[in-house]
Amino acid sequence: MKLLVAALDSELVAFPDELPGFVRLVTGPGKLQATYALTRALDRDAYDEVVVVGTAGSVDPTAVGVHDVTAALQHDVSDVDGIAGQHVSLPPLVSIAGRPGTTIATGDHFVDDSDTVAAIRALGGTLVDMEAYAYIWVAQQFGVPIRVLKAVSDSAEDDAITDWRAAVATCSVQLRERIRDLYGV
């Protein structure tokens, strides 16, 4: 059995309530809710794989469509020396070995301004979200394989929240199609 994970119900609107071979988990937005909900789920039951679907802002204008995220960093932390992207006790980058993919920058606020986008680009992020780092880190603590699929919903600038609201349903359709292609369900 696989665990299908999304932060929000709206990211799953194109998915059937019951997907053969999958159990659904909606964690809520942000790193803390993602960590808590996924930890509880993995502590309670054994899964063959965690499959995350969701939306992301793009900090690279050429990054569109659905991305297989294979590395995540935290853009909203700094260490005791003030170095951005470095956490005082967590790794600066969590990665999924075995396939090429995209690096995402995770933080606890919705990014919609050019200054934050520039800072994320400087850290090496292509996409930005609020949960991917947490999902990858938790799955790795449990030794469970994880796949993170993110559909680009907005440019992370200039009133991006309006773009996200308009795009989330379309992104869900794109993610549903990718799950069908990858898993045959």
N, C-alpha and C. Protein backbone atom coordinates (compact mmCIF):
# COMPACT_ATOMS: atom_id res chain seq x y z
N MET A 1 0.85 -1.18 0.00
CA MET A 1 0.00 0.00 0.00
C MET A 1 0.90 1.24 0.00
N LYS A 2 0.47 2.24 -0.77
CA LYS A 2 1.18 3.51 -0.84
C LYS A 2 0.35 4.58 -0.11
N LEU A 3 1.05 5.59 0.37
CA LEU A 3 0.38 6.71 1.04
C LEU A 3 0.41 7.91 0.10
N LEU A 4 -0.76 8.37 -0.34
CA LEU A 4 -0.89 9.54 -1.20
C LEU A 4 -1.07 10.76 -0.29
N VAL A 5 -0.13 11.69 -0.36
CA VAL A 5 -0.09 12.82 0.56
C VAL A 5 -0.24 14.13 -0.19
N ALA A 6 -1.06 15.02 0.35
CA ALA A 6 -1.18 16.40 -0.14
C ALA A 6 -1.36 17.31 1.07
N ALA A 7 -0.99 18.54 0.91
CA ALA A 7 -1.16 19.50 2.00
C ALA A 7 -2.62 19.93 2.13
N LEU A 8 -3.30 20.06 0.99
CA LEU A 8 -4.65 20.61 0.98
C LEU A 8 -5.60 19.73 0.17
N ASP A 9 -6.86 19.66 0.58
CA ASP A 9 -7.88 18.94 -0.18
C ASP A 9 -7.98 19.46 -1.62
N SER A 10 -7.82 20.76 -1.79
CA SER A 10 -7.95 21.35 -3.13
C SER A 10 -6.91 20.81 -4.11
N GLU A 11 -5.78 20.33 -3.60
CA GLU A 11 -4.76 19.76 -4.48
C GLU A 11 -5.14 18.36 -4.96
N LEU A 12 -6.20 17.79 -4.37
CA LEU A 12 -6.66 16.45 -4.72
C LEU A 12 -8.03 16.43 -5.40
N VAL A 13 -8.53 17.57 -5.83
CA VAL A 13 -9.89 17.61 -6.39
C VAL A 13 -10.06 16.74 -7.63
N ALA A 14 -9.02 16.49 -8.39
CA ALA A 14 -9.12 15.67 -9.60
C ALA A 14 -8.94 14.18 -9.30
N PHE A 15 -8.67 13.84 -8.05
CA PHE A 15 -8.45 12.45 -7.67
C PHE A 15 -9.74 11.84 -7.14
N PRO A 16 -9.97 10.55 -7.43
CA PRO A 16 -11.14 9.90 -6.83
C PRO A 16 -10.92 9.75 -5.32
N ASP A 17 -12.01 9.66 -4.58
CA ASP A 17 -11.90 9.48 -3.13
C ASP A 17 -11.14 8.20 -2.79
N GLU A 18 -11.34 7.16 -3.57
CA GLU A 18 -10.66 5.88 -3.38
C GLU A 18 -9.78 5.64 -4.59
N LEU A 19 -8.50 5.52 -4.38
CA LEU A 19 -7.55 5.23 -5.45
C LEU A 19 -6.92 3.88 -5.14
N PRO A 20 -7.13 2.85 -5.98
CA PRO A 20 -6.63 1.51 -5.68
C PRO A 20 -5.13 1.51 -5.35
N GLY A 21 -4.79 0.87 -4.23
CA GLY A 21 -3.40 0.76 -3.83
C GLY A 21 -2.87 1.93 -3.02
N PHE A 22 -3.73 2.92 -2.77
CA PHE A 22 -3.32 4.13 -2.06
C PHE A 22 -4.24 4.44 -0.89
N VAL A 23 -3.66 4.95 0.17
CA VAL A 23 -4.39 5.54 1.29
C VAL A 23 -4.12 7.03 1.20
N ARG A 24 -5.13 7.85 1.41
CA ARG A 24 -5.01 9.31 1.27
C ARG A 24 -4.72 9.96 2.62
N LEU A 25 -3.82 10.96 2.59
CA LEU A 25 -3.52 11.76 3.78
C LEU A 25 -3.43 13.23 3.37
N VAL A 26 -4.24 14.07 4.01
CA VAL A 26 -4.14 15.53 3.83
C VAL A 26 -3.56 16.07 5.13
N THR A 27 -2.41 16.71 5.03
CA THR A 27 -1.67 17.11 6.23
C THR A 27 -1.98 18.49 6.75
N GLY A 28 -2.45 19.38 5.90
CA GLY A 28 -2.52 20.79 6.24
C GLY A 28 -1.25 21.46 5.76
N PRO A 29 -1.29 22.78 5.58
CA PRO A 29 -0.14 23.49 5.01
C PRO A 29 0.96 23.77 6.03
N GLY A 30 2.18 23.87 5.53
CA GLY A 30 3.32 24.26 6.35
C GLY A 30 4.11 23.09 6.88
N LYS A 31 5.35 23.39 7.26
CA LYS A 31 6.29 22.35 7.69
C LYS A 31 5.85 21.63 8.96
N LEU A 32 5.31 22.33 9.93
CA LEU A 32 4.92 21.67 11.18
C LEU A 32 3.75 20.72 10.98
N GLN A 33 2.72 21.18 10.30
CA GLN A 33 1.58 20.29 10.06
C GLN A 33 1.98 19.10 9.20
N ALA A 34 2.83 19.33 8.19
CA ALA A 34 3.30 18.24 7.34
C ALA A 34 4.09 17.21 8.15
N THR A 35 4.99 17.70 8.99
CA THR A 35 5.81 16.80 9.82
C THR A 35 4.94 15.99 10.77
N TYR A 36 4.04 16.66 11.45
CA TYR A 36 3.18 15.99 12.43
C TYR A 36 2.30 14.92 11.77
N ALA A 37 1.60 15.29 10.72
CA ALA A 37 0.66 14.36 10.10
C ALA A 37 1.36 13.17 9.46
N LEU A 38 2.47 13.42 8.76
CA LEU A 38 3.17 12.31 8.12
C LEU A 38 3.83 11.41 9.17
N THR A 39 4.38 11.98 10.21
CA THR A 39 4.96 11.18 11.29
C THR A 39 3.91 10.27 11.91
N ARG A 40 2.75 10.82 12.21
CA ARG A 40 1.67 10.00 12.79
C ARG A 40 1.27 8.87 11.86
N ALA A 41 1.12 9.18 10.56
CA ALA A 41 0.70 8.16 9.60
C ALA A 41 1.74 7.04 9.48
N LEU A 42 3.02 7.40 9.41
CA LEU A 42 4.06 6.39 9.25
C LEU A 42 4.32 5.63 10.54
N ASP A 43 4.04 6.24 11.66
CA ASP A 43 4.18 5.55 12.94
C ASP A 43 3.05 4.54 13.15
N ARG A 44 1.90 4.82 12.58
CA ARG A 44 0.71 4.00 12.77
C ARG A 44 0.68 2.81 11.82
N ASP A 45 1.09 3.00 10.55
CA ASP A 45 0.98 1.95 9.53
C ASP A 45 2.25 1.90 8.69
N ALA A 46 2.49 0.73 8.09
CA ALA A 46 3.62 0.55 7.18
C ALA A 46 3.15 0.79 5.75
N TYR A 47 3.94 1.53 4.99
CA TYR A 47 3.64 1.82 3.59
C TYR A 47 4.84 1.48 2.73
N ASP A 48 4.57 1.06 1.49
CA ASP A 48 5.63 0.75 0.54
C ASP A 48 6.31 2.02 0.03
N GLU A 49 5.52 3.10 -0.05
CA GLU A 49 6.03 4.35 -0.60
C GLU A 49 5.12 5.50 -0.17
N VAL A 50 5.72 6.65 0.03
CA VAL A 50 4.97 7.88 0.22
C VAL A 50 5.00 8.60 -1.12
N VAL A 51 3.82 8.98 -1.61
CA VAL A 51 3.72 9.71 -2.88
C VAL A 51 3.04 11.04 -2.59
N VAL A 52 3.81 12.11 -2.72
CA VAL A 52 3.32 13.45 -2.43
C VAL A 52 2.91 14.12 -3.74
N VAL A 53 1.74 14.75 -3.72
CA VAL A 53 1.31 15.58 -4.85
C VAL A 53 0.94 16.95 -4.30
N GLY A 54 1.21 17.98 -5.08
CA GLY A 54 0.86 19.32 -4.63
C GLY A 54 1.30 20.39 -5.61
N THR A 55 1.04 21.60 -5.23
CA THR A 55 1.38 22.74 -6.06
C THR A 55 2.65 23.41 -5.56
N ALA A 56 3.27 24.18 -6.45
CA ALA A 56 4.48 24.92 -6.10
C ALA A 56 4.56 26.17 -6.95
N GLY A 57 5.18 27.18 -6.38
CA GLY A 57 5.51 28.37 -7.15
C GLY A 57 6.81 28.13 -7.89
N SER A 58 6.97 28.77 -9.03
CA SER A 58 8.19 28.65 -9.80
C SER A 58 9.04 29.90 -9.62
N VAL A 59 10.30 29.72 -9.27
CA VAL A 59 11.21 30.86 -9.19
C VAL A 59 12.10 30.93 -10.43
N ASP A 60 11.85 30.02 -11.36
CA ASP A 60 12.52 29.98 -12.65
C ASP A 60 11.44 30.05 -13.72
N PRO A 61 11.41 31.11 -14.53
CA PRO A 61 10.33 31.26 -15.50
C PRO A 61 10.21 30.11 -16.50
N THR A 62 11.26 29.31 -16.66
CA THR A 62 11.19 28.19 -17.61
C THR A 62 10.64 26.92 -16.96
N ALA A 63 10.48 26.93 -15.64
CA ALA A 63 9.97 25.76 -14.93
C ALA A 63 8.44 25.79 -14.92
N VAL A 64 7.84 24.92 -15.72
CA VAL A 64 6.38 24.83 -15.83
C VAL A 64 5.98 23.36 -15.75
N GLY A 65 4.68 23.10 -15.61
CA GLY A 65 4.19 21.74 -15.62
C GLY A 65 4.44 21.01 -14.31
N VAL A 66 4.52 19.67 -14.37
CA VAL A 66 4.71 18.83 -13.20
C VAL A 66 6.19 18.45 -13.09
N HIS A 67 6.72 18.58 -11.88
CA HIS A 67 8.12 18.28 -11.61
C HIS A 67 8.25 17.14 -10.61
N ASP A 68 9.23 16.29 -10.86
CA ASP A 68 9.62 15.26 -9.91
C ASP A 68 10.68 15.91 -9.03
N VAL A 69 10.32 16.21 -7.80
CA VAL A 69 11.23 16.89 -6.88
C VAL A 69 12.13 15.85 -6.24
N THR A 70 13.44 16.06 -6.33
CA THR A 70 14.38 15.10 -5.76
C THR A 70 15.32 15.73 -4.73
N ALA A 71 15.16 17.01 -4.47
CA ALA A 71 15.95 17.66 -3.41
C ALA A 71 15.14 18.83 -2.86
N ALA A 72 15.32 19.06 -1.55
CA ALA A 72 14.61 20.16 -0.90
C ALA A 72 15.54 20.84 0.10
N LEU A 73 15.40 22.14 0.18
CA LEU A 73 16.11 22.96 1.15
C LEU A 73 15.09 23.85 1.85
N GLN A 74 15.50 24.44 2.95
CA GLN A 74 14.61 25.36 3.66
C GLN A 74 15.09 26.79 3.41
N HIS A 75 14.25 27.59 2.78
CA HIS A 75 14.66 28.96 2.46
C HIS A 75 14.41 29.94 3.59
N ASP A 76 13.67 29.54 4.59
CA ASP A 76 13.27 30.48 5.64
C ASP A 76 13.96 30.23 6.98
N VAL A 77 15.14 29.59 6.95
CA VAL A 77 15.90 29.35 8.17
C VAL A 77 17.31 29.91 8.01
N SER A 78 17.97 30.10 9.14
CA SER A 78 19.39 30.45 9.14
C SER A 78 20.03 29.86 10.38
N ASP A 79 21.33 29.62 10.30
CA ASP A 79 22.02 29.02 11.44
C ASP A 79 22.49 30.10 12.42
N VAL A 80 23.24 29.70 13.42
CA VAL A 80 23.67 30.65 14.45
C VAL A 80 24.60 31.73 13.90
N ASP A 81 25.20 31.48 12.74
CA ASP A 81 26.05 32.48 12.10
C ASP A 81 25.27 33.34 11.10
N GLY A 82 23.97 33.10 11.01
CA GLY A 82 23.12 33.89 10.12
C GLY A 82 23.17 33.46 8.66
N ILE A 83 23.66 32.26 8.38
CA ILE A 83 23.74 31.79 7.01
C ILE A 83 22.37 31.28 6.58
N ALA A 84 21.78 31.93 5.58
CA ALA A 84 20.45 31.57 5.08
C ALA A 84 20.47 30.16 4.49
N GLY A 85 19.39 29.43 4.74
CA GLY A 85 19.24 28.08 4.21
C GLY A 85 19.92 27.02 5.06
N GLN A 86 20.63 27.42 6.09
CA GLN A 86 21.30 26.48 6.98
C GLN A 86 20.53 26.42 8.29
N HIS A 87 20.06 25.26 8.64
CA HIS A 87 19.33 25.06 9.90
C HIS A 87 20.34 24.72 10.99
N VAL A 88 20.02 25.04 12.23
CA VAL A 88 20.97 24.75 13.31
C VAL A 88 21.12 23.26 13.60
N SER A 89 20.13 22.43 13.25
CA SER A 89 20.25 21.00 13.57
C SER A 89 19.79 20.06 12.47
N LEU A 90 19.25 20.56 11.39
CA LEU A 90 18.80 19.71 10.29
C LEU A 90 19.73 19.89 9.09
N PRO A 91 19.80 18.91 8.20
CA PRO A 91 20.67 19.05 7.03
C PRO A 91 20.21 20.21 6.13
N PRO A 92 21.15 20.90 5.49
CA PRO A 92 20.76 22.00 4.62
C PRO A 92 19.97 21.53 3.40
N LEU A 93 20.18 20.29 2.99
CA LEU A 93 19.50 19.75 1.81
C LEU A 93 19.13 18.30 2.11
N VAL A 94 17.88 17.94 1.82
CA VAL A 94 17.47 16.53 1.84
C VAL A 94 17.24 16.13 0.39
N SER A 95 17.69 14.93 0.04
CA SER A 95 17.55 14.53 -1.35
C SER A 95 17.09 13.09 -1.48
N ILE A 96 16.51 12.82 -2.63
CA ILE A 96 16.00 11.51 -2.97
C ILE A 96 16.91 10.97 -4.07
N ALA A 97 17.61 9.91 -3.79
CA ALA A 97 18.54 9.34 -4.75
C ALA A 97 17.81 8.52 -5.81
N GLY A 98 18.46 8.36 -6.94
CA GLY A 98 17.98 7.41 -7.92
C GLY A 98 17.35 7.96 -9.17
N ARG A 99 17.03 9.23 -9.22
CA ARG A 99 16.46 9.78 -10.45
C ARG A 99 16.72 11.28 -10.50
N PRO A 100 16.81 11.80 -11.71
CA PRO A 100 17.01 13.25 -11.83
C PRO A 100 15.73 13.99 -11.46
N GLY A 101 15.88 15.21 -11.01
CA GLY A 101 14.69 15.97 -10.65
C GLY A 101 15.01 17.41 -10.34
N THR A 102 14.09 18.02 -9.65
CA THR A 102 14.09 19.45 -9.38
C THR A 102 14.36 19.69 -7.90
N THR A 103 15.02 20.82 -7.61
CA THR A 103 15.23 21.24 -6.23
C THR A 103 14.15 22.24 -5.85
N ILE A 104 13.53 22.00 -4.70
CA ILE A 104 12.47 22.87 -4.20
C ILE A 104 12.94 23.54 -2.91
N ALA A 105 12.52 24.76 -2.71
CA ALA A 105 12.80 25.50 -1.48
C ALA A 105 11.52 25.54 -0.66
N THR A 106 11.60 25.07 0.57
CA THR A 106 10.43 25.00 1.44
C THR A 106 10.51 26.07 2.51
N GLY A 107 9.38 26.70 2.78
CA GLY A 107 9.30 27.70 3.84
C GLY A 107 7.87 27.79 4.34
N ASP A 108 7.70 28.42 5.48
CA ASP A 108 6.38 28.45 6.12
C ASP A 108 5.51 29.64 5.73
N HIS A 109 5.81 30.28 4.63
CA HIS A 109 4.90 31.32 4.16
C HIS A 109 4.76 31.22 2.64
N PHE A 110 3.63 31.66 2.16
CA PHE A 110 3.36 31.66 0.73
C PHE A 110 4.22 32.75 0.09
N VAL A 111 5.04 32.38 -0.87
CA VAL A 111 5.97 33.32 -1.50
C VAL A 111 5.27 34.04 -2.65
N ASP A 112 5.30 35.36 -2.58
CA ASP A 112 4.69 36.16 -3.65
C ASP A 112 5.41 37.50 -3.83
N ASP A 113 6.74 37.50 -3.66
CA ASP A 113 7.47 38.74 -3.84
C ASP A 113 8.83 38.48 -4.46
N SER A 114 9.32 39.44 -5.21
CA SER A 114 10.55 39.28 -5.98
C SER A 114 11.79 39.16 -5.10
N ASP A 115 11.81 39.79 -3.94
CA ASP A 115 12.98 39.67 -3.06
C ASP A 115 13.17 38.24 -2.56
N THR A 116 12.07 37.61 -2.16
CA THR A 116 12.16 36.22 -1.69
C THR A 116 12.51 35.29 -2.84
N VAL A 117 11.94 35.54 -4.01
CA VAL A 117 12.27 34.73 -5.19
C VAL A 117 13.76 34.82 -5.49
N ALA A 118 14.34 36.01 -5.44
CA ALA A 118 15.77 36.18 -5.69
C ALA A 118 16.60 35.42 -4.65
N ALA A 119 16.18 35.47 -3.39
CA ALA A 119 16.90 34.76 -2.34
C ALA A 119 16.83 33.26 -2.56
N ILE A 120 15.69 32.75 -2.98
CA ILE A 120 15.53 31.31 -3.24
C ILE A 120 16.39 30.88 -4.42
N ARG A 121 16.42 31.69 -5.47
CA ARG A 121 17.28 31.39 -6.61
C ARG A 121 18.74 31.29 -6.17
N ALA A 122 19.16 32.21 -5.30
CA ALA A 122 20.54 32.22 -4.82
C ALA A 122 20.87 30.95 -4.02
N LEU A 123 19.88 30.37 -3.37
CA LEU A 123 20.08 29.13 -2.61
C LEU A 123 20.08 27.89 -3.51
N GLY A 124 19.64 28.05 -4.76
CA GLY A 124 19.62 26.93 -5.70
C GLY A 124 18.26 26.31 -5.93
N GLY A 125 17.20 26.95 -5.45
CA GLY A 125 15.86 26.43 -5.66
C GLY A 125 15.30 26.79 -7.02
N THR A 126 14.51 25.89 -7.58
CA THR A 126 13.79 26.13 -8.83
C THR A 126 12.31 26.37 -8.55
N LEU A 127 11.79 25.64 -7.56
CA LEU A 127 10.39 25.76 -7.14
C LEU A 127 10.36 26.15 -5.67
N VAL A 128 9.17 26.57 -5.21
CA VAL A 128 9.00 26.91 -3.79
C VAL A 128 7.65 26.37 -3.31
N ASP A 129 7.67 25.80 -2.09
CA ASP A 129 6.44 25.30 -1.49
C ASP A 129 6.53 25.46 0.02
N MET A 130 5.61 24.82 0.73
CA MET A 130 5.56 24.96 2.18
C MET A 130 5.72 23.63 2.93
N GLU A 131 5.93 22.50 2.22
CA GLU A 131 5.95 21.20 2.91
C GLU A 131 7.01 20.20 2.45
N ALA A 132 7.53 20.28 1.25
CA ALA A 132 8.34 19.20 0.66
C ALA A 132 9.52 18.79 1.53
N TYR A 133 10.25 19.76 2.07
CA TYR A 133 11.40 19.42 2.91
C TYR A 133 10.94 18.53 4.07
N ALA A 134 9.87 18.89 4.71
CA ALA A 134 9.36 18.13 5.85
C ALA A 134 8.96 16.71 5.44
N TYR A 135 8.25 16.59 4.32
CA TYR A 135 7.83 15.26 3.87
C TYR A 135 9.05 14.36 3.61
N ILE A 136 10.02 14.89 2.89
CA ILE A 136 11.20 14.08 2.56
C ILE A 136 11.95 13.69 3.83
N TRP A 137 12.17 14.65 4.70
CA TRP A 137 12.91 14.38 5.93
C TRP A 137 12.22 13.31 6.78
N VAL A 138 10.90 13.44 6.96
CA VAL A 138 10.17 12.46 7.77
C VAL A 138 10.22 11.07 7.12
N ALA A 139 9.96 10.98 5.83
CA ALA A 139 9.99 9.67 5.16
C ALA A 139 11.36 9.02 5.33
N GLN A 140 12.41 9.81 5.22
CA GLN A 140 13.76 9.26 5.39
C GLN A 140 14.00 8.78 6.82
N GLN A 141 13.44 9.45 7.80
CA GLN A 141 13.59 9.01 9.20
C GLN A 141 12.96 7.64 9.40
N PHE A 142 11.90 7.35 8.64
CA PHE A 142 11.22 6.06 8.74
C PHE A 142 11.75 5.04 7.73
N GLY A 143 12.66 5.45 6.86
CA GLY A 143 13.20 4.54 5.86
C GLY A 143 12.20 4.15 4.79
N VAL A 144 11.23 5.02 4.52
CA VAL A 144 10.20 4.76 3.52
C VAL A 144 10.53 5.54 2.25
N PRO A 145 10.55 4.87 1.08
CA PRO A 145 10.79 5.59 -0.17
C PRO A 145 9.73 6.68 -0.38
N ILE A 146 10.14 7.77 -1.00
CA ILE A 146 9.23 8.88 -1.23
C ILE A 146 9.41 9.42 -2.64
N ARG A 147 8.29 9.82 -3.23
CA ARG A 147 8.28 10.53 -4.51
C ARG A 147 7.49 11.80 -4.27
N VAL A 148 8.02 12.93 -4.73
CA VAL A 148 7.35 14.22 -4.57
C VAL A 148 7.09 14.80 -5.95
N LEU A 149 5.81 14.96 -6.28
CA LEU A 149 5.41 15.54 -7.56
C LEU A 149 4.75 16.89 -7.29
N LYS A 150 5.26 17.92 -7.93
CA LYS A 150 4.73 19.26 -7.74
C LYS A 150 4.37 19.87 -9.09
N ALA A 151 3.16 20.40 -9.18
CA ALA A 151 2.69 21.10 -10.38
C ALA A 151 2.85 22.60 -10.16
N VAL A 152 3.43 23.28 -11.13
CA VAL A 152 3.64 24.72 -11.01
C VAL A 152 2.31 25.44 -11.14
N SER A 153 2.01 26.22 -10.11
CA SER A 153 0.73 26.93 -10.05
C SER A 153 0.86 28.43 -10.24
N ASP A 154 2.06 28.96 -10.02
CA ASP A 154 2.23 30.42 -10.06
C ASP A 154 3.70 30.77 -10.16
N SER A 155 3.99 32.06 -10.29
CA SER A 155 5.36 32.54 -10.45
C SER A 155 6.00 32.96 -9.14
N ALA A 156 5.31 32.81 -8.03
CA ALA A 156 5.81 33.19 -6.71
C ALA A 156 6.07 34.70 -6.59
N GLU A 157 5.51 35.48 -7.48
CA GLU A 157 5.65 36.93 -7.45
C GLU A 157 4.33 37.59 -7.84
N ASP A 158 4.24 38.88 -7.58
CA ASP A 158 3.15 39.71 -8.11
C ASP A 158 1.76 39.13 -7.90
N ASP A 159 1.32 39.07 -6.65
CA ASP A 159 -0.01 38.58 -6.32
C ASP A 159 -0.20 37.11 -6.71
N ALA A 160 0.81 36.30 -6.45
CA ALA A 160 0.79 34.88 -6.81
C ALA A 160 -0.36 34.12 -6.17
N ILE A 161 -0.84 34.57 -5.02
CA ILE A 161 -1.94 33.86 -4.37
C ILE A 161 -3.19 33.85 -5.26
N THR A 162 -3.42 34.91 -5.99
CA THR A 162 -4.54 34.95 -6.93
C THR A 162 -4.33 33.93 -8.04
N ASP A 163 -3.11 33.85 -8.56
CA ASP A 163 -2.79 32.86 -9.59
C ASP A 163 -2.97 31.45 -9.05
N TRP A 164 -2.51 31.20 -7.81
CA TRP A 164 -2.63 29.88 -7.22
C TRP A 164 -4.08 29.46 -7.10
N ARG A 165 -4.91 30.34 -6.59
CA ARG A 165 -6.34 30.00 -6.43
C ARG A 165 -6.97 29.63 -7.76
N ALA A 166 -6.58 30.32 -8.82
CA ALA A 166 -7.14 30.04 -10.14
C ALA A 166 -6.57 28.76 -10.73
N ALA A 167 -5.36 28.38 -10.35
CA ALA A 167 -4.65 27.28 -10.99
C ALA A 167 -4.72 25.94 -10.25
N VAL A 168 -5.10 25.94 -8.99
CA VAL A 168 -4.97 24.72 -8.19
C VAL A 168 -5.77 23.55 -8.78
N ALA A 169 -6.94 23.77 -9.30
CA ALA A 169 -7.73 22.67 -9.87
C ALA A 169 -7.07 22.11 -11.13
N THR A 170 -6.53 22.98 -11.98
CA THR A 170 -5.82 22.53 -13.17
C THR A 170 -4.57 21.75 -12.78
N CYS A 171 -3.88 22.21 -11.77
CA CYS A 171 -2.70 21.49 -11.27
C CYS A 171 -3.08 20.11 -10.77
N SER A 172 -4.21 20.00 -10.11
CA SER A 172 -4.67 18.70 -9.61
C SER A 172 -4.90 17.74 -10.77
N VAL A 173 -5.46 18.22 -11.86
CA VAL A 173 -5.68 17.38 -13.05
C VAL A 173 -4.33 16.90 -13.59
N GLN A 174 -3.35 17.81 -13.67
CA GLN A 174 -2.02 17.43 -14.16
C GLN A 174 -1.38 16.38 -13.26
N LEU A 175 -1.52 16.56 -11.96
CA LEU A 175 -0.96 15.60 -11.00
C LEU A 175 -1.66 14.25 -11.09
N ARG A 176 -2.97 14.26 -11.27
CA ARG A 176 -3.73 13.01 -11.42
C ARG A 176 -3.25 12.25 -12.65
N GLU A 177 -3.03 12.98 -13.75
CA GLU A 177 -2.54 12.34 -14.98
C GLU A 177 -1.16 11.73 -14.76
N ARG A 178 -0.28 12.42 -14.02
CA ARG A 178 1.06 11.90 -13.77
C ARG A 178 0.98 10.64 -12.89
N ILE A 179 0.11 10.63 -11.92
CA ILE A 179 -0.06 9.43 -11.07
C ILE A 179 -0.57 8.27 -11.91
N ARG A 180 -1.49 8.54 -12.81
CA ARG A 180 -2.01 7.49 -13.70
C ARG A 180 -0.88 6.95 -14.57
N ASP A 181 -0.03 7.83 -15.12
CA ASP A 181 1.09 7.40 -15.95
C ASP A 181 2.10 6.58 -15.17
N LEU A 182 2.42 7.00 -13.94
CA LEU A 182 3.44 6.36 -13.14
C LEU A 182 2.99 5.05 -12.50
N TYR A 183 1.73 5.03 -12.04
CA TYR A 183 1.27 3.90 -11.22
C TYR A 183 0.14 3.10 -11.87
N GLY A 184 -0.37 3.56 -13.00
CA GLY A 184 -1.40 2.82 -13.70
C GLY A 184 -2.76 2.80 -13.02
N VAL A 185 -3.02 3.77 -12.15
CA VAL A 185 -4.31 3.83 -11.45
C VAL A 185 -4.97 5.17 -11.64
